[in-house]
Structures are given as structure tokens and as C-alpha cells.
Amino acid sequence: MTRGADDEGAAGVPDSWTITTDVLRAAHDPNLFDGRELYGPADYAELPLPDELHPDAATHRRVAERLRARVLGGGGAFAGQAPAA
């Protein structure tokens, strides 16, 4: 992936994605959140995307753990509900 002036940098998140996130958040839906909470610049420094696009197994695991905590944890859309087996 080529990074240019329109990019935020780490993890290749373009400004247009950030703008879209800001617009969606303005809808005041508590279930919307910034995906960089799951994988952001600090994660990229530790677990870079091997081909600059697809996460490896360790990165998938980190994202899944954070998503589970975010969705099933306190205040999440499915707080207190156990995942289906």
C-alpha cells in the first residue's frame, strides 16, 4: 500500500475513513466505535500487517479479544451475554 498525503499513516487509515467514523459517531449510537480501538498505530508498531493489508494470526487474535471485550463487556451492545458455543 502506498501512503500519501491523504493518509493518517500507521495502519494505512485514510482521512476519509476517519471522517466517515466522525459522521457515524455524530449519530449518537453508543454501539459505534472507532475501529482503531481494536487495531491502531501502537498495534501496527508491534504487529505490522505482513502485506500492509491482511492481519496475521496474532493480530486477528488481538482484534478478536478486544472486540469481545468491547461488545460483551460492561456497556457493550451484548454486555453480560455469553457467546454462543
N, C-alpha and C. Protein backbone atom coordinates (compact mmCIF):
# COMPACT_ATOMS: atom_id res chain seq x y z
N MET A 1 0.84 -1.17 0.00
CA MET A 1 0.00 0.00 0.00
C MET A 1 0.89 1.24 0.00
N THR A 2 0.58 2.14 -0.85
CA THR A 2 1.32 3.38 -0.91
C THR A 2 0.65 4.40 -0.01
N ARG A 3 1.42 5.04 0.79
CA ARG A 3 0.87 6.04 1.69
C ARG A 3 1.16 7.42 1.14
N GLY A 4 0.13 8.24 1.12
CA GLY A 4 0.28 9.58 0.59
C GLY A 4 -0.17 10.63 1.58
N ALA A 5 -0.35 11.83 1.08
CA ALA A 5 -0.71 12.95 1.93
C ALA A 5 -2.09 12.79 2.57
N ASP A 6 -2.96 11.98 1.95
CA ASP A 6 -4.31 11.81 2.49
C ASP A 6 -4.39 10.73 3.55
N ASP A 7 -3.28 10.10 3.88
CA ASP A 7 -3.28 9.02 4.86
C ASP A 7 -2.93 9.52 6.25
N GLU A 8 -3.44 8.81 7.26
CA GLU A 8 -3.05 9.11 8.63
C GLU A 8 -1.71 8.49 8.95
N GLY A 9 -1.31 7.48 8.20
CA GLY A 9 -0.02 6.84 8.45
C GLY A 9 -0.19 5.42 8.91
N ALA A 10 0.22 5.13 10.16
CA ALA A 10 0.23 3.77 10.67
C ALA A 10 -1.12 3.10 10.46
N ALA A 11 -1.06 1.86 10.03
CA ALA A 11 -2.22 1.03 9.73
C ALA A 11 -2.95 1.49 8.48
N GLY A 12 -2.39 2.46 7.76
CA GLY A 12 -2.94 2.88 6.48
C GLY A 12 -4.37 3.36 6.54
N VAL A 13 -4.77 4.08 7.58
CA VAL A 13 -6.14 4.55 7.71
C VAL A 13 -6.27 5.92 7.05
N PRO A 14 -6.94 5.97 5.89
CA PRO A 14 -7.09 7.25 5.21
C PRO A 14 -7.97 8.22 5.97
N ASP A 15 -7.74 9.51 5.74
CA ASP A 15 -8.55 10.53 6.39
C ASP A 15 -10.04 10.36 6.09
N SER A 16 -10.38 9.90 4.88
CA SER A 16 -11.80 9.74 4.54
C SER A 16 -12.47 8.74 5.47
N TRP A 17 -11.75 7.71 5.91
CA TRP A 17 -12.31 6.75 6.85
C TRP A 17 -12.53 7.40 8.20
N THR A 18 -11.61 8.25 8.60
CA THR A 18 -11.75 8.96 9.87
C THR A 18 -12.95 9.89 9.81
N ILE A 19 -13.13 10.56 8.70
CA ILE A 19 -14.27 11.46 8.54
C ILE A 19 -15.57 10.67 8.61
N THR A 20 -15.63 9.53 7.95
CA THR A 20 -16.82 8.69 7.99
C THR A 20 -17.12 8.25 9.42
N THR A 21 -16.10 7.86 10.15
CA THR A 21 -16.27 7.47 11.55
C THR A 21 -16.84 8.63 12.35
N ASP A 22 -16.32 9.83 12.14
CA ASP A 22 -16.81 11.00 12.86
C ASP A 22 -18.28 11.27 12.54
N VAL A 23 -18.66 11.11 11.29
CA VAL A 23 -20.06 11.33 10.89
C VAL A 23 -20.96 10.30 11.56
N LEU A 24 -20.54 9.04 11.55
CA LEU A 24 -21.34 7.99 12.18
C LEU A 24 -21.47 8.21 13.68
N ARG A 25 -20.38 8.63 14.30
CA ARG A 25 -20.43 8.89 15.74
C ARG A 25 -21.39 10.03 16.07
N ALA A 26 -21.51 10.96 15.15
CA ALA A 26 -22.42 12.09 15.37
C ALA A 26 -23.87 11.61 15.47
N ALA A 27 -24.15 10.41 15.01
CA ALA A 27 -25.49 9.84 15.11
C ALA A 27 -25.81 9.45 16.55
N HIS A 28 -24.85 9.53 17.43
CA HIS A 28 -25.01 9.24 18.86
C HIS A 28 -25.44 7.80 19.13
N ASP A 29 -24.98 6.90 18.31
CA ASP A 29 -25.25 5.48 18.54
C ASP A 29 -24.13 4.95 19.44
N PRO A 30 -24.45 4.53 20.65
CA PRO A 30 -23.41 4.08 21.58
C PRO A 30 -22.70 2.80 21.14
N ASN A 31 -23.26 2.12 20.15
CA ASN A 31 -22.65 0.88 19.68
C ASN A 31 -21.61 1.12 18.59
N LEU A 32 -21.49 2.35 18.12
CA LEU A 32 -20.47 2.67 17.13
C LEU A 32 -19.19 3.05 17.85
N PHE A 33 -18.07 2.58 17.33
CA PHE A 33 -16.79 2.96 17.92
C PHE A 33 -15.73 2.96 16.82
N ASP A 34 -14.65 3.60 17.11
CA ASP A 34 -13.54 3.73 16.17
C ASP A 34 -12.79 2.40 16.11
N GLY A 35 -12.69 1.82 14.94
CA GLY A 35 -12.01 0.54 14.77
C GLY A 35 -10.56 0.55 15.22
N ARG A 36 -9.97 1.74 15.33
CA ARG A 36 -8.59 1.82 15.80
C ARG A 36 -8.47 1.45 17.27
N GLU A 37 -9.63 1.31 17.96
CA GLU A 37 -9.60 0.79 19.32
C GLU A 37 -9.26 -0.71 19.30
N LEU A 38 -9.54 -1.36 18.18
CA LEU A 38 -9.24 -2.78 18.04
C LEU A 38 -7.83 -3.01 17.50
N TYR A 39 -7.41 -2.16 16.59
CA TYR A 39 -6.07 -2.25 15.99
C TYR A 39 -5.69 -0.85 15.52
N GLY A 40 -4.73 -0.27 16.20
CA GLY A 40 -4.34 1.10 15.88
C GLY A 40 -2.85 1.24 15.67
N PRO A 41 -2.37 2.47 15.63
CA PRO A 41 -0.97 2.73 15.36
C PRO A 41 0.01 2.02 16.30
N ALA A 42 -0.30 1.96 17.59
CA ALA A 42 0.60 1.28 18.53
C ALA A 42 0.66 -0.22 18.22
N ASP A 43 -0.48 -0.78 17.82
CA ASP A 43 -0.51 -2.20 17.46
C ASP A 43 0.28 -2.44 16.18
N TYR A 44 0.15 -1.51 15.25
CA TYR A 44 0.88 -1.62 13.98
C TYR A 44 2.39 -1.65 14.24
N ALA A 45 2.83 -0.86 15.21
CA ALA A 45 4.25 -0.84 15.54
C ALA A 45 4.72 -2.20 16.07
N GLU A 46 3.86 -2.86 16.83
CA GLU A 46 4.20 -4.16 17.41
C GLU A 46 3.88 -5.32 16.47
N LEU A 47 2.74 -5.24 15.81
CA LEU A 47 2.27 -6.31 14.94
C LEU A 47 1.90 -5.73 13.57
N PRO A 48 2.89 -5.38 12.77
CA PRO A 48 2.58 -4.80 11.47
C PRO A 48 1.88 -5.81 10.57
N LEU A 49 1.08 -5.30 9.65
CA LEU A 49 0.40 -6.16 8.69
C LEU A 49 1.44 -6.66 7.69
N PRO A 50 1.58 -7.97 7.56
CA PRO A 50 2.64 -8.53 6.72
C PRO A 50 2.65 -8.00 5.28
N ASP A 51 1.46 -7.82 4.70
CA ASP A 51 1.38 -7.32 3.32
C ASP A 51 0.75 -5.93 3.27
N GLU A 52 0.72 -5.26 4.43
CA GLU A 52 0.14 -3.92 4.58
C GLU A 52 -1.38 -3.91 4.40
N LEU A 53 -2.01 -5.09 4.44
CA LEU A 53 -3.46 -5.16 4.29
C LEU A 53 -4.10 -6.20 5.19
N HIS A 54 -3.55 -7.42 5.21
CA HIS A 54 -4.16 -8.54 5.92
C HIS A 54 -3.43 -8.83 7.24
N PRO A 55 -4.18 -8.94 8.34
CA PRO A 55 -3.55 -9.28 9.62
C PRO A 55 -3.13 -10.75 9.66
N ASP A 56 -2.10 -11.03 10.44
CA ASP A 56 -1.69 -12.42 10.65
C ASP A 56 -2.49 -12.99 11.82
N ALA A 57 -2.21 -14.23 12.21
CA ALA A 57 -2.97 -14.90 13.27
C ALA A 57 -2.90 -14.15 14.60
N ALA A 58 -1.72 -13.67 14.97
CA ALA A 58 -1.57 -12.97 16.24
C ALA A 58 -2.39 -11.68 16.26
N THR A 59 -2.43 -10.99 15.14
CA THR A 59 -3.19 -9.75 15.06
C THR A 59 -4.69 -10.04 15.09
N HIS A 60 -5.12 -11.08 14.38
CA HIS A 60 -6.53 -11.48 14.43
C HIS A 60 -6.94 -11.79 15.87
N ARG A 61 -6.09 -12.47 16.58
CA ARG A 61 -6.38 -12.83 17.98
C ARG A 61 -6.54 -11.56 18.83
N ARG A 62 -5.64 -10.61 18.67
CA ARG A 62 -5.71 -9.37 19.44
C ARG A 62 -7.00 -8.61 19.14
N VAL A 63 -7.32 -8.49 17.86
CA VAL A 63 -8.54 -7.78 17.46
C VAL A 63 -9.78 -8.49 18.03
N ALA A 64 -9.80 -9.82 17.93
CA ALA A 64 -10.94 -10.58 18.43
C ALA A 64 -11.10 -10.42 19.94
N GLU A 65 -10.01 -10.45 20.68
CA GLU A 65 -10.07 -10.28 22.13
C GLU A 65 -10.61 -8.90 22.50
N ARG A 66 -10.16 -7.89 21.79
CA ARG A 66 -10.62 -6.53 22.08
C ARG A 66 -12.07 -6.35 21.67
N LEU A 67 -12.46 -6.93 20.54
CA LEU A 67 -13.84 -6.82 20.10
C LEU A 67 -14.77 -7.52 21.09
N ARG A 68 -14.36 -8.69 21.53
CA ARG A 68 -15.17 -9.43 22.50
C ARG A 68 -15.35 -8.61 23.79
N ALA A 69 -14.26 -8.03 24.29
CA ALA A 69 -14.34 -7.22 25.50
C ALA A 69 -15.24 -6.00 25.27
N ARG A 70 -15.13 -5.40 24.10
CA ARG A 70 -15.90 -4.19 23.78
C ARG A 70 -17.39 -4.49 23.65
N VAL A 71 -17.74 -5.60 23.02
CA VAL A 71 -19.14 -5.92 22.75
C VAL A 71 -19.80 -6.64 23.92
N LEU A 72 -19.07 -7.55 24.56
CA LEU A 72 -19.65 -8.32 25.66
C LEU A 72 -19.38 -7.71 27.03
N GLY A 73 -18.41 -6.79 27.09
CA GLY A 73 -18.04 -6.17 28.36
C GLY A 73 -19.04 -5.13 28.81
N GLY A 74 -18.78 -4.55 29.96
CA GLY A 74 -19.65 -3.53 30.52
C GLY A 74 -19.93 -2.41 29.55
N GLY A 75 -21.20 -2.14 29.33
CA GLY A 75 -21.59 -1.06 28.44
C GLY A 75 -21.66 -1.47 26.97
N GLY A 76 -21.22 -2.67 26.64
CA GLY A 76 -21.26 -3.13 25.26
C GLY A 76 -22.67 -3.51 24.82
N ALA A 77 -22.85 -3.65 23.52
CA ALA A 77 -24.16 -3.96 22.96
C ALA A 77 -24.73 -5.26 23.52
N PHE A 78 -23.88 -6.21 23.85
CA PHE A 78 -24.33 -7.51 24.36
C PHE A 78 -23.73 -7.78 25.73
N ALA A 79 -23.57 -6.77 26.52
CA ALA A 79 -22.96 -6.88 27.86
C ALA A 79 -23.65 -7.94 28.68
N GLY A 80 -22.85 -8.79 29.29
CA GLY A 80 -23.37 -9.82 30.18
C GLY A 80 -23.90 -11.06 29.48
N GLN A 81 -23.91 -11.07 28.17
CA GLN A 81 -24.38 -12.26 27.45
C GLN A 81 -23.20 -13.12 27.07
N ALA A 82 -23.32 -14.39 27.32
CA ALA A 82 -22.25 -15.33 26.95
C ALA A 82 -22.33 -15.60 25.45
N PRO A 83 -21.17 -15.73 24.80
CA PRO A 83 -21.19 -16.06 23.37
C PRO A 83 -21.75 -17.46 23.14
N ALA A 84 -22.37 -17.65 21.99
CA ALA A 84 -22.91 -18.97 21.64
C ALA A 84 -21.78 -19.96 21.46
N ALA A 85 -22.03 -21.19 21.88
CA ALA A 85 -21.00 -22.23 21.78
C ALA A 85 -20.90 -22.75 20.38
